[in-house]
Amino acid sequence: MRRRGRGLNEPGRKVRGVEYESVGEDYLQRRQLRRGAAGWVLLAGLGVAYVISGDFAGWNFGLAQGGWGGLLVATLLMATMYTCMVFALAELSSAIPTAGGGYGFARRAMGPWGGFLTGTAILIEYAIAPAAIAVFIGAYVESLTGIGGPLVYLFFYAVFIGIHLYGVGEALKLMFAITAVAAVALVVFVVGMMPFFDPANLFDIAPTDAAGASAFLPFGYVGIWAALPYAIWFFLAIEGVPLAAEETRDPARDMPRGLIAGMLTLLVFAALILTFGPGGAGASAIQDVGDPLTSAIAAPGAYGTQNWLYTFINFVGLAGLIASFFSIIFAYSRQTFALSRAGYLPRVLSITSGRRTPFLALIIPGLVGFGLSLTGQGDLLILVAVFGATVSYVLMMLSHIILRRREPELHRPYRTPGGVVTSGIALALAVVAVVAGFLVDPRVVIYAAIVYAIMIAYFGIYSRHHLVAQAPEEEFALIEKAEAELAGSGGRDG
């Protein structure tokens, strides 16, 4: 049982540069999520669902930046980063199981400013990623039916936000089923492309005159760096699994299992797709298309026509894009919910319906994402999502290191193999990834940074003076502060 410290709910209480407001008893009652909706198998499925669209579209733009060799090296680096990060997040999510995920970890380690900076970066990632995926869904639907564009984007946003509004248990189970179908489609694609695999196809992009350029690295050494944001697309959003902590049966046990199982699955799929997609069709044939798997099948070097496999992957492969689209909607709603419940964002966004779903946290970011999808620039939207993601990775790995140093006695049901060395590797690679986005299109990343700065200004000017004392992440901090005061007072009195 957690002890309440002296003056925990005092209005205007100041702690570490922020002010707290006490709220009525019904505040948290109107902001309840459905408990016990997921075990570790569903969590693993959720982790794969977040990411699996990256196997169907988006990664291939890295071929245009670094060639196959550059994208391969970039993918190996990012696979290392994500694997190390997942081990660190498994520890953090088992020790601090709140709906805030990375925001909650950073809040514990670095205070309100650290929590806000991390949570907002994650929110940018999750609000923008569905917009990019919607563009790719439109490309696949158009190649299948001839109909694409805004109507397709609107249809998918409306349907899948609607399902989430119905209830989280039903949504998670449906996501798991869709993800399983998508995984089957990836296996069928790989088997179908194996007869056409030729190592020469991997290196059919002509070398440039860049430093270090070769058949393996046609755009030179800098191509590796420029390919990093697209290599990230193979794994981006796996870190969203901890956002389901408050809806999980046993977070201490299920979160580590779900995170690690999901990551292992993604590593296998990334290796297969990166090998047999370009290896069967030719890297140059799919380097800049919105539907690389179907384009690979129809490429002259492969089947050369729209056959049964083309139709199957196009139709069933939509499940992969839908799975990620569907699941990241869940992620942005929970991140918005947690930040709003604690007062970092407008509190109205965290009110839940009778079915325990945060309806405004689902709808408002969805409207923003739909508006951005109308640009039709999936590759550029990836850069914005990756900017938010990589900034949050830096802050989350810092949180792991800080908590290991500052709170060695914190109960950790799961401990990261290698400890801070593991999270330190992820931290270093995340810093590299943040910088890499500026190499592809600095304007896009600068625009994202401006939005980030505006949100930071909102926190600095307004919301840090109106945080909610009873929110789970904030209550932990206030209890620690109050107990420290009591201990200090007891020492002086003695």
Protein backbone atom coordinates (compact mmCIF):
# COMPACT_ATOMS: atom_id res chain seq x y z
CA MET A 1 0.00 0.00 0.00
CA ARG A 2 1.40 3.40 -0.94
CA ARG A 3 1.46 5.93 1.89
CA ARG A 4 0.10 9.39 1.36
CA GLY A 5 2.49 12.09 2.47
CA ARG A 6 1.64 15.22 4.38
CA GLY A 7 -0.12 17.81 2.28
CA LEU A 8 -0.29 15.61 -0.81
CA ASN A 9 -3.43 17.28 -2.15
CA GLU A 10 -2.80 20.84 -1.09
CA PRO A 11 -3.96 23.24 -3.85
CA GLY A 12 -1.05 25.12 -5.36
CA ARG A 13 1.54 22.71 -3.99
CA LYS A 14 4.86 23.27 -5.79
CA VAL A 15 7.26 20.42 -6.58
CA ARG A 16 10.30 20.69 -8.87
CA GLY A 17 9.13 23.73 -10.82
CA VAL A 18 5.47 22.75 -11.28
CA GLU A 19 2.24 23.44 -9.40
CA TYR A 20 -0.42 20.88 -8.54
CA GLU A 21 -4.16 21.23 -8.27
CA SER A 22 -6.34 18.87 -6.28
CA VAL A 23 -9.41 17.56 -8.13
CA GLY A 24 -12.72 16.09 -7.02
CA GLU A 25 -13.29 12.43 -6.22
CA ASP A 26 -15.07 11.86 -9.53
CA TYR A 27 -12.12 13.09 -11.63
CA LEU A 28 -10.35 9.73 -11.94
CA GLN A 29 -13.66 7.84 -11.95
CA ARG A 30 -14.47 9.58 -15.23
CA ARG A 31 -11.04 8.58 -16.55
CA GLN A 32 -10.94 4.81 -16.10
CA LEU A 33 -9.57 2.28 -18.59
CA ARG A 34 -10.73 -1.33 -18.83
CA ARG A 35 -8.52 -3.52 -16.63
CA GLY A 36 -7.31 -7.02 -17.46
CA ALA A 37 -8.06 -6.88 -21.19
CA ALA A 38 -4.72 -8.34 -22.39
CA GLY A 39 -2.17 -11.03 -21.56
CA TRP A 40 1.34 -11.39 -22.95
CA VAL A 41 0.24 -13.09 -26.19
CA LEU A 42 -2.05 -10.21 -27.06
CA LEU A 43 0.71 -7.78 -26.09
CA ALA A 44 3.16 -9.51 -28.43
CA GLY A 45 0.53 -9.32 -31.15
CA LEU A 46 0.02 -5.64 -30.36
CA GLY A 47 3.77 -5.02 -30.68
CA VAL A 48 3.90 -6.72 -34.09
CA ALA A 49 0.70 -4.97 -35.15
CA TYR A 50 2.19 -1.56 -34.38
CA VAL A 51 5.07 -2.24 -36.76
CA ILE A 52 4.09 -4.77 -39.41
CA SER A 53 2.99 -2.13 -41.92
CA GLY A 54 6.68 -1.21 -42.14
CA ASP A 55 7.27 -4.51 -43.95
CA PHE A 56 4.62 -3.68 -46.54
CA ALA A 57 5.64 -0.09 -47.34
CA GLY A 58 7.98 2.68 -46.28
CA TRP A 59 11.24 0.77 -45.77
CA ASN A 60 11.90 0.73 -49.51
CA PHE A 61 12.47 4.51 -49.64
CA GLY A 62 15.75 3.71 -47.90
CA LEU A 63 16.89 2.05 -51.14
CA ALA A 64 16.63 5.43 -52.85
CA GLN A 65 18.75 7.00 -50.11
CA GLY A 66 21.44 4.39 -49.53
CA GLY A 67 21.03 1.57 -52.03
CA TRP A 68 20.62 -1.98 -50.76
CA GLY A 69 23.96 -2.01 -48.97
CA GLY A 70 23.31 1.29 -47.25
CA LEU A 71 19.84 0.19 -46.16
CA LEU A 72 21.24 -3.14 -44.95
CA VAL A 73 23.84 -1.48 -42.73
CA ALA A 74 21.25 1.04 -41.50
CA THR A 75 18.83 -1.79 -40.69
CA LEU A 76 21.48 -3.69 -38.74
CA LEU A 77 22.23 -0.57 -36.71
CA MET A 78 18.57 0.13 -36.02
CA ALA A 79 17.85 -3.52 -35.23
CA THR A 80 20.58 -3.28 -32.60
CA MET A 81 19.13 -0.06 -31.23
CA TYR A 82 15.60 -1.44 -30.98
CA THR A 83 16.66 -4.75 -29.48
CA CYS A 84 18.64 -2.99 -26.76
CA MET A 85 15.81 -0.53 -26.22
CA VAL A 86 13.19 -3.27 -25.91
CA PHE A 87 15.21 -4.96 -23.15
CA ALA A 88 15.38 -1.62 -21.30
CA LEU A 89 11.66 -0.92 -21.80
CA ALA A 90 10.82 -4.41 -20.56
CA GLU A 91 12.42 -3.48 -17.25
CA LEU A 92 10.84 -0.04 -17.06
CA SER A 93 7.35 -1.25 -17.95
CA SER A 94 7.44 -4.02 -15.36
CA ALA A 95 8.57 -1.57 -12.66
CA ILE A 96 6.34 1.41 -13.63
CA PRO A 97 3.17 -0.02 -15.25
CA THR A 98 1.09 3.05 -16.16
CA ALA A 99 -0.77 4.04 -19.32
CA GLY A 100 1.77 6.78 -19.96
CA GLY A 101 4.45 4.35 -21.11
CA GLY A 102 7.62 6.26 -21.95
CA TYR A 103 6.17 9.45 -20.49
CA GLY A 104 5.69 7.69 -17.16
CA PHE A 105 9.26 6.37 -17.16
CA ALA A 106 10.75 9.76 -17.94
CA ARG A 107 8.45 11.45 -15.42
CA ARG A 108 9.83 9.18 -12.70
CA ALA A 109 13.45 9.70 -13.76
CA MET A 110 13.60 13.34 -14.86
CA GLY A 111 10.61 15.07 -13.34
CA PRO A 112 7.69 16.87 -15.03
CA TRP A 113 9.76 18.51 -17.76
CA GLY A 114 11.36 15.21 -18.74
CA GLY A 115 7.98 13.50 -18.70
CA PHE A 116 6.38 16.13 -20.88
CA LEU A 117 9.23 16.23 -23.39
CA THR A 118 9.14 12.45 -23.74
CA GLY A 119 5.36 12.11 -23.85
CA THR A 120 4.99 14.87 -26.42
CA ALA A 121 7.66 13.38 -28.68
CA ILE A 122 5.86 10.02 -28.52
CA LEU A 123 2.57 11.73 -29.30
CA ILE A 124 4.06 13.37 -32.41
CA GLU A 125 5.25 9.95 -33.53
CA TYR A 126 1.92 8.22 -32.96
CA ALA A 127 -0.28 10.99 -34.33
CA ILE A 128 1.71 11.19 -37.57
CA ALA A 129 2.50 7.51 -38.23
CA PRO A 130 -1.16 6.60 -39.01
CA ALA A 131 -1.25 9.43 -41.56
CA ALA A 132 1.75 7.92 -43.37
CA ILE A 133 0.20 4.45 -43.20
CA ALA A 134 -3.09 5.80 -44.54
CA VAL A 135 -1.22 7.06 -47.62
CA PHE A 136 0.27 3.58 -48.15
CA ILE A 137 -3.14 1.96 -47.65
CA GLY A 138 -4.46 4.29 -50.34
CA ALA A 139 -1.70 3.17 -52.72
CA TYR A 140 -2.50 -0.51 -52.20
CA VAL A 141 -6.26 0.04 -52.49
CA GLU A 142 -5.78 2.07 -55.66
CA SER A 143 -3.64 -0.63 -57.26
CA LEU A 144 -6.36 -3.14 -56.41
CA THR A 145 -9.52 -1.19 -57.20
CA GLY A 146 -8.47 2.00 -58.98
CA ILE A 147 -9.89 4.06 -56.10
CA GLY A 148 -7.52 5.88 -53.75
CA GLY A 149 -6.84 9.22 -52.14
CA PRO A 150 -8.82 11.16 -49.52
CA LEU A 151 -11.95 9.00 -49.59
CA VAL A 152 -9.91 5.92 -48.73
CA TYR A 153 -8.07 7.76 -45.95
CA LEU A 154 -11.35 9.03 -44.48
CA PHE A 155 -12.98 5.60 -44.65
CA PHE A 156 -10.19 3.87 -42.74
CA TYR A 157 -9.88 6.58 -40.11
CA ALA A 158 -13.64 6.55 -39.47
CA VAL A 159 -14.01 2.76 -39.32
CA PHE A 160 -11.06 2.00 -37.07
CA ILE A 161 -11.54 4.89 -34.68
CA GLY A 162 -15.12 3.66 -34.44
CA ILE A 163 -14.00 0.15 -33.47
CA HIS A 164 -11.73 1.56 -30.77
CA LEU A 165 -14.63 3.61 -29.45
CA TYR A 166 -16.56 0.36 -29.03
CA GLY A 167 -14.07 -1.17 -26.59
CA VAL A 168 -10.41 -2.06 -26.02
CA GLY A 169 -10.82 -5.81 -25.47
CA GLU A 170 -12.62 -6.25 -28.76
CA ALA A 171 -10.14 -3.97 -30.53
CA LEU A 172 -7.06 -5.86 -29.26
CA LYS A 173 -8.48 -9.22 -30.29
CA LEU A 174 -9.37 -7.94 -33.75
CA MET A 175 -5.88 -6.41 -34.09
CA PHE A 176 -4.34 -9.76 -33.21
CA ALA A 177 -6.41 -11.54 -35.88
CA ILE A 178 -5.58 -8.96 -38.55
CA THR A 179 -1.88 -9.14 -37.65
CA ALA A 180 -1.90 -12.94 -38.00
CA VAL A 181 -3.37 -12.63 -41.49
CA ALA A 182 -0.73 -10.02 -42.39
CA ALA A 183 2.05 -12.30 -41.17
CA VAL A 184 0.77 -15.08 -43.42
CA ALA A 185 0.82 -12.65 -46.36
CA LEU A 186 4.48 -11.81 -45.68
CA VAL A 187 5.41 -15.50 -45.59
CA VAL A 188 3.57 -16.14 -48.87
CA PHE A 189 5.33 -13.16 -50.48
CA VAL A 190 8.78 -14.39 -49.42
CA VAL A 191 8.11 -17.93 -50.68
CA GLY A 192 6.72 -16.54 -53.94
CA MET A 193 9.82 -14.38 -54.56
CA MET A 194 12.40 -17.04 -53.69
CA PRO A 195 12.56 -18.54 -57.22
CA PHE A 196 13.57 -15.13 -58.61
CA PHE A 197 16.20 -14.29 -56.01
CA ASP A 198 19.50 -13.22 -57.55
CA PRO A 199 22.20 -11.45 -55.51
CA ALA A 200 22.88 -9.19 -58.52
CA ASN A 201 19.37 -7.73 -58.14
CA LEU A 202 20.38 -6.26 -54.80
CA PHE A 203 23.03 -4.09 -56.41
CA ASP A 204 21.33 -2.82 -59.59
CA ILE A 205 21.29 0.85 -58.51
CA ALA A 206 24.13 2.60 -60.33
CA PRO A 207 26.89 4.02 -58.09
CA THR A 208 27.19 7.79 -57.84
CA ASP A 209 30.37 9.82 -57.37
CA ALA A 210 29.78 10.22 -53.61
CA ALA A 211 32.59 9.42 -51.19
CA GLY A 212 32.85 5.67 -50.72
CA ALA A 213 30.40 4.89 -53.54
CA SER A 214 30.38 1.32 -54.85
CA ALA A 215 27.92 -1.29 -56.08
CA PHE A 216 27.25 -2.12 -52.43
CA LEU A 217 26.94 1.54 -51.36
CA PRO A 218 25.82 3.38 -54.53
CA PHE A 219 25.33 6.64 -52.60
CA GLY A 220 28.51 6.30 -50.57
CA TYR A 221 28.92 6.32 -46.82
CA VAL A 222 26.44 9.15 -46.33
CA GLY A 223 23.78 6.88 -47.84
CA ILE A 224 23.89 4.70 -44.74
CA TRP A 225 23.04 7.68 -42.58
CA ALA A 226 20.30 8.89 -44.93
CA ALA A 227 18.73 5.40 -44.96
CA LEU A 228 18.40 5.26 -41.15
CA PRO A 229 14.91 6.84 -40.93
CA TYR A 230 13.57 4.23 -43.35
CA ALA A 231 15.36 1.35 -41.61
CA ILE A 232 13.57 2.53 -38.46
CA TRP A 233 10.27 1.91 -40.25
CA PHE A 234 10.91 -1.86 -39.90
CA PHE A 235 10.61 -1.45 -36.11
CA LEU A 236 9.01 1.89 -35.34
CA ALA A 237 6.30 1.83 -32.62
CA ILE A 238 7.23 -1.45 -30.87
CA GLU A 239 7.92 0.84 -27.92
CA GLY A 240 4.18 1.50 -27.72
CA VAL A 241 3.41 -1.82 -26.01
CA PRO A 242 3.84 -0.35 -22.48
CA LEU A 243 0.98 2.04 -23.21
CA ALA A 244 -1.35 -0.92 -22.58
CA ALA A 245 0.02 -1.47 -19.05
CA GLU A 246 -3.13 -0.37 -17.22
CA GLU A 247 -5.22 -2.70 -19.39
CA THR A 248 -2.96 -5.72 -18.88
CA ARG A 249 -3.69 -8.61 -16.48
CA ASP A 250 -0.19 -8.86 -14.99
CA PRO A 251 2.11 -6.08 -16.25
CA ALA A 252 5.14 -7.26 -14.27
CA ARG A 253 5.11 -10.61 -16.06
CA ASP A 254 3.30 -9.93 -19.32
CA MET A 255 5.01 -6.70 -20.44
CA PRO A 256 8.55 -8.14 -20.76
CA ARG A 257 7.27 -11.29 -22.46
CA GLY A 258 5.12 -9.38 -24.92
CA LEU A 259 7.81 -6.82 -25.80
CA ILE A 260 10.57 -9.37 -26.37
CA ALA A 261 8.40 -11.83 -28.33
CA GLY A 262 7.15 -9.03 -30.55
CA MET A 263 10.68 -7.76 -31.22
CA LEU A 264 12.00 -11.21 -32.17
CA THR A 265 9.16 -11.60 -34.67
CA LEU A 266 9.92 -8.22 -36.24
CA LEU A 267 13.63 -9.03 -36.62
CA VAL A 268 12.78 -12.16 -38.62
CA PHE A 269 10.36 -10.34 -40.92
CA ALA A 270 12.78 -7.45 -41.53
CA ALA A 271 15.52 -9.86 -42.60
CA LEU A 272 13.24 -11.76 -44.97
CA ILE A 273 11.64 -8.73 -46.63
CA LEU A 274 14.91 -6.83 -47.06
CA THR A 275 16.47 -9.90 -48.68
CA PHE A 276 13.78 -11.28 -50.96
CA GLY A 277 11.96 -8.07 -51.97
CA PRO A 278 14.86 -6.33 -53.73
CA GLY A 279 16.61 -9.66 -54.32
CA GLY A 280 13.73 -10.90 -56.44
CA ALA A 281 12.62 -7.74 -58.24
CA GLY A 282 15.73 -5.55 -58.18
CA ALA A 283 16.36 -2.70 -55.77
CA SER A 284 15.84 -0.07 -58.46
CA ALA A 285 12.34 -1.38 -59.29
CA ILE A 286 10.91 -0.73 -55.83
CA GLN A 287 13.02 2.12 -54.42
CA ASP A 288 10.39 4.85 -54.69
CA VAL A 289 6.93 3.20 -54.87
CA GLY A 290 4.13 3.22 -52.33
CA ASP A 291 3.36 -0.50 -52.72
CA PRO A 292 6.78 -2.21 -52.90
CA LEU A 293 5.63 -5.80 -52.40
CA THR A 294 3.11 -5.84 -55.22
CA SER A 295 5.48 -3.80 -57.40
CA ALA A 296 8.17 -6.40 -56.71
CA ILE A 297 5.88 -9.20 -57.88
CA ALA A 298 4.95 -7.38 -61.09
CA ALA A 299 8.52 -6.26 -61.83
CA PRO A 300 10.07 -7.52 -65.12
CA GLY A 301 12.73 -9.38 -63.15
CA ALA A 302 10.10 -11.33 -61.23
CA TYR A 303 6.66 -12.41 -62.50
CA GLY A 304 6.34 -9.41 -64.79
CA THR A 305 2.55 -9.35 -64.51
CA GLN A 306 -0.33 -8.92 -62.10
CA ASN A 307 -0.93 -12.59 -61.34
CA TRP A 308 -2.69 -14.44 -58.51
CA LEU A 309 0.17 -13.70 -56.09
CA TYR A 310 -0.04 -10.00 -56.91
CA THR A 311 -3.77 -9.98 -56.16
CA PHE A 312 -3.36 -12.06 -53.00
CA ILE A 313 -0.60 -9.87 -51.54
CA ASN A 314 -2.43 -6.71 -52.55
CA PHE A 315 -5.67 -7.82 -50.92
CA VAL A 316 -4.41 -9.74 -47.90
CA GLY A 317 -1.36 -7.48 -47.55
CA LEU A 318 -3.70 -4.63 -46.74
CA ALA A 319 -4.13 -6.43 -43.43
CA GLY A 320 -0.55 -5.51 -42.51
CA LEU A 321 -1.09 -1.84 -43.15
CA ILE A 322 -4.45 -1.95 -41.42
CA ALA A 323 -2.99 -3.74 -38.40
CA SER A 324 -0.45 -0.98 -37.80
CA PHE A 325 -2.94 1.76 -38.61
CA PHE A 326 -5.45 0.23 -36.20
CA SER A 327 -2.98 -0.37 -33.38
CA ILE A 328 -1.20 2.99 -33.52
CA ILE A 329 -4.59 4.66 -33.17
CA PHE A 330 -4.76 2.77 -29.86
CA ALA A 331 -1.27 4.06 -28.99
CA TYR A 332 -1.91 7.74 -29.67
CA SER A 333 -5.17 7.62 -27.73
CA ARG A 334 -3.48 6.15 -24.64
CA GLN A 335 -0.58 8.61 -24.79
CA THR A 336 -3.01 11.51 -25.14
CA PHE A 337 -5.14 10.05 -22.32
CA ALA A 338 -2.20 9.78 -19.91
CA LEU A 339 -0.85 13.27 -20.61
CA SER A 340 -4.33 14.77 -20.33
CA ARG A 341 -5.27 12.90 -17.15
CA ALA A 342 -2.18 14.36 -15.44
CA GLY A 343 -2.92 17.88 -16.74
CA TYR A 344 -0.08 18.19 -19.26
CA LEU A 345 -2.65 18.44 -22.06
CA PRO A 346 -6.21 19.81 -21.75
CA ARG A 347 -7.99 17.59 -19.21
CA VAL A 348 -11.09 17.09 -21.32
CA LEU A 349 -9.10 14.80 -23.63
CA SER A 350 -8.88 12.08 -20.96
CA ILE A 351 -12.58 11.67 -20.20
CA THR A 352 -13.67 8.10 -20.93
CA SER A 353 -17.01 6.82 -22.16
CA GLY A 354 -19.25 4.23 -20.56
CA ARG A 355 -17.21 1.56 -22.37
CA ARG A 356 -14.00 2.86 -20.73
CA THR A 357 -12.56 4.33 -23.93
CA PRO A 358 -11.02 7.83 -24.10
CA PHE A 359 -13.20 9.03 -26.96
CA LEU A 360 -11.79 12.55 -27.45
CA ALA A 361 -8.23 11.19 -27.24
CA LEU A 362 -9.19 8.93 -30.14
CA ILE A 363 -11.01 11.52 -32.25
CA ILE A 364 -8.93 14.72 -31.95
CA PRO A 365 -5.50 13.29 -32.96
CA GLY A 366 -7.33 11.29 -35.63
CA LEU A 367 -8.61 14.49 -37.20
CA VAL A 368 -5.07 15.90 -37.19
CA GLY A 369 -3.68 12.73 -38.79
CA PHE A 370 -6.39 12.67 -41.45
CA GLY A 371 -5.61 16.27 -42.36
CA LEU A 372 -1.93 15.43 -42.79
CA SER A 373 -2.70 12.33 -44.83
CA LEU A 374 -4.26 14.59 -47.45
CA THR A 375 -0.75 15.68 -48.42
CA GLY A 376 -0.22 12.21 -49.89
CA GLN A 377 3.48 12.40 -48.97
CA GLY A 378 3.99 9.14 -47.12
CA ASP A 379 7.77 9.30 -47.29
CA LEU A 380 7.88 12.77 -45.72
CA LEU A 381 5.34 11.87 -43.05
CA ILE A 382 7.66 9.00 -42.10
CA LEU A 383 10.38 11.56 -41.38
CA VAL A 384 8.10 13.50 -39.03
CA ALA A 385 7.08 10.32 -37.19
CA VAL A 386 10.71 9.20 -36.95
CA PHE A 387 11.73 12.60 -35.53
CA GLY A 388 9.27 12.23 -32.66
CA ALA A 389 10.22 8.60 -32.14
CA THR A 390 13.98 9.09 -32.00
CA VAL A 391 13.75 12.05 -29.63
CA SER A 392 11.64 9.90 -27.30
CA TYR A 393 14.15 7.03 -27.55
CA VAL A 394 16.95 9.29 -26.37
CA LEU A 395 14.88 10.42 -23.39
CA MET A 396 13.59 6.94 -22.48
CA MET A 397 17.07 5.42 -22.51
CA LEU A 398 18.32 8.30 -20.37
CA SER A 399 15.47 7.47 -18.00
CA HIS A 400 16.59 3.86 -17.74
CA ILE A 401 20.16 4.90 -16.94
CA ILE A 402 19.08 7.56 -14.42
CA LEU A 403 16.73 5.21 -12.58
CA ARG A 404 19.38 2.51 -12.39
CA ARG A 405 21.74 5.03 -10.78
CA ARG A 406 19.27 6.95 -8.64
CA GLU A 407 16.86 4.19 -7.57
CA PRO A 408 18.82 0.93 -7.42
CA GLU A 409 16.31 -0.48 -4.90
CA LEU A 410 13.27 0.12 -7.16
CA HIS A 411 11.38 -3.16 -7.50
CA ARG A 412 12.20 -4.50 -10.97
CA PRO A 413 10.40 -7.78 -11.74
CA TYR A 414 12.47 -7.94 -14.96
CA ARG A 415 16.03 -6.64 -15.27
CA THR A 416 17.67 -5.62 -18.55
CA PRO A 417 20.49 -7.96 -19.64
CA GLY A 418 23.65 -5.87 -19.58
CA GLY A 419 22.01 -3.12 -17.55
CA VAL A 420 23.01 0.43 -18.46
CA VAL A 421 25.47 -0.79 -21.09
CA THR A 422 22.51 -2.10 -23.09
CA SER A 423 20.47 1.09 -22.72
CA GLY A 424 23.62 3.13 -23.38
CA ILE A 425 24.07 1.45 -26.77
CA ALA A 426 20.44 2.23 -27.62
CA LEU A 427 20.95 5.83 -26.46
CA ALA A 428 24.00 6.39 -28.67
CA LEU A 429 22.30 4.95 -31.74
CA ALA A 430 19.15 6.98 -31.05
CA VAL A 431 21.20 10.20 -31.06
CA VAL A 432 22.63 9.21 -34.45
CA ALA A 433 19.10 8.51 -35.72
CA VAL A 434 17.83 11.93 -34.61
CA VAL A 435 20.50 13.64 -36.69
CA ALA A 436 19.93 11.34 -39.67
CA GLY A 437 16.48 12.77 -40.38
CA PHE A 438 18.02 16.13 -41.27
CA LEU A 439 20.01 14.52 -44.09
CA VAL A 440 16.93 13.42 -46.03
CA ASP A 441 14.79 16.56 -45.91
CA PRO A 442 15.75 19.10 -43.22
CA ARG A 443 12.67 21.24 -43.88
CA VAL A 444 10.31 18.47 -42.80
CA VAL A 445 12.20 17.77 -39.59
CA ILE A 446 12.46 21.49 -38.83
CA TYR A 447 8.67 21.85 -39.20
CA ALA A 448 8.22 18.94 -36.79
CA ALA A 449 10.65 20.57 -34.37
CA ILE A 450 8.65 23.82 -34.53
CA VAL A 451 5.46 21.97 -33.59
CA TYR A 452 7.35 20.30 -30.75
CA ALA A 453 8.58 23.71 -29.56
CA ILE A 454 5.03 25.12 -29.58
CA MET A 455 3.83 22.25 -27.39
CA ILE A 456 6.76 22.79 -25.03
CA ALA A 457 5.83 26.47 -24.79
CA TYR A 458 2.25 25.49 -23.87
CA PHE A 459 3.60 23.39 -21.01
CA GLY A 460 6.04 26.03 -19.83
CA ILE A 461 3.52 28.87 -19.88
CA TYR A 462 0.32 27.15 -18.78
CA SER A 463 -0.04 23.45 -18.04
CA ARG A 464 2.91 23.05 -15.66
CA HIS A 465 0.98 25.32 -13.28
CA HIS A 466 -2.13 23.08 -13.43
CA LEU A 467 -0.98 19.48 -13.03
CA VAL A 468 -3.28 16.97 -11.35
CA ALA A 469 -2.03 15.72 -8.00
CA GLN A 470 -4.04 12.48 -8.08
CA ALA A 471 -2.88 11.28 -11.52
CA PRO A 472 -0.87 8.04 -11.03
CA GLU A 473 2.45 9.34 -12.38
CA GLU A 474 2.19 12.57 -10.38
CA GLU A 475 1.04 10.90 -7.19
CA PHE A 476 4.19 8.79 -7.12
CA ALA A 477 6.29 11.96 -7.27
CA LEU A 478 4.31 13.74 -4.59
CA ILE A 479 4.47 10.75 -2.25
CA GLU A 480 8.25 10.59 -2.63
CA LYS A 481 8.54 14.32 -1.96
CA ALA A 482 6.25 14.20 1.06
CA GLU A 483 7.98 11.16 2.56
CA ALA A 484 11.37 12.82 2.09
CA GLU A 485 10.04 15.88 3.93
CA LEU A 486 8.74 13.69 6.74
CA ALA A 487 12.08 11.87 7.00
CA GLY A 488 13.95 15.16 7.09
CA SER A 489 11.61 16.59 9.70
CA GLY A 490 11.98 13.49 11.82
CA GLY A 491 15.77 13.75 11.63
CA ARG A 492 15.73 17.40 12.72
CA ASP A 493 13.25 16.75 15.55
CA GLY A 494 15.46 13.98 16.85
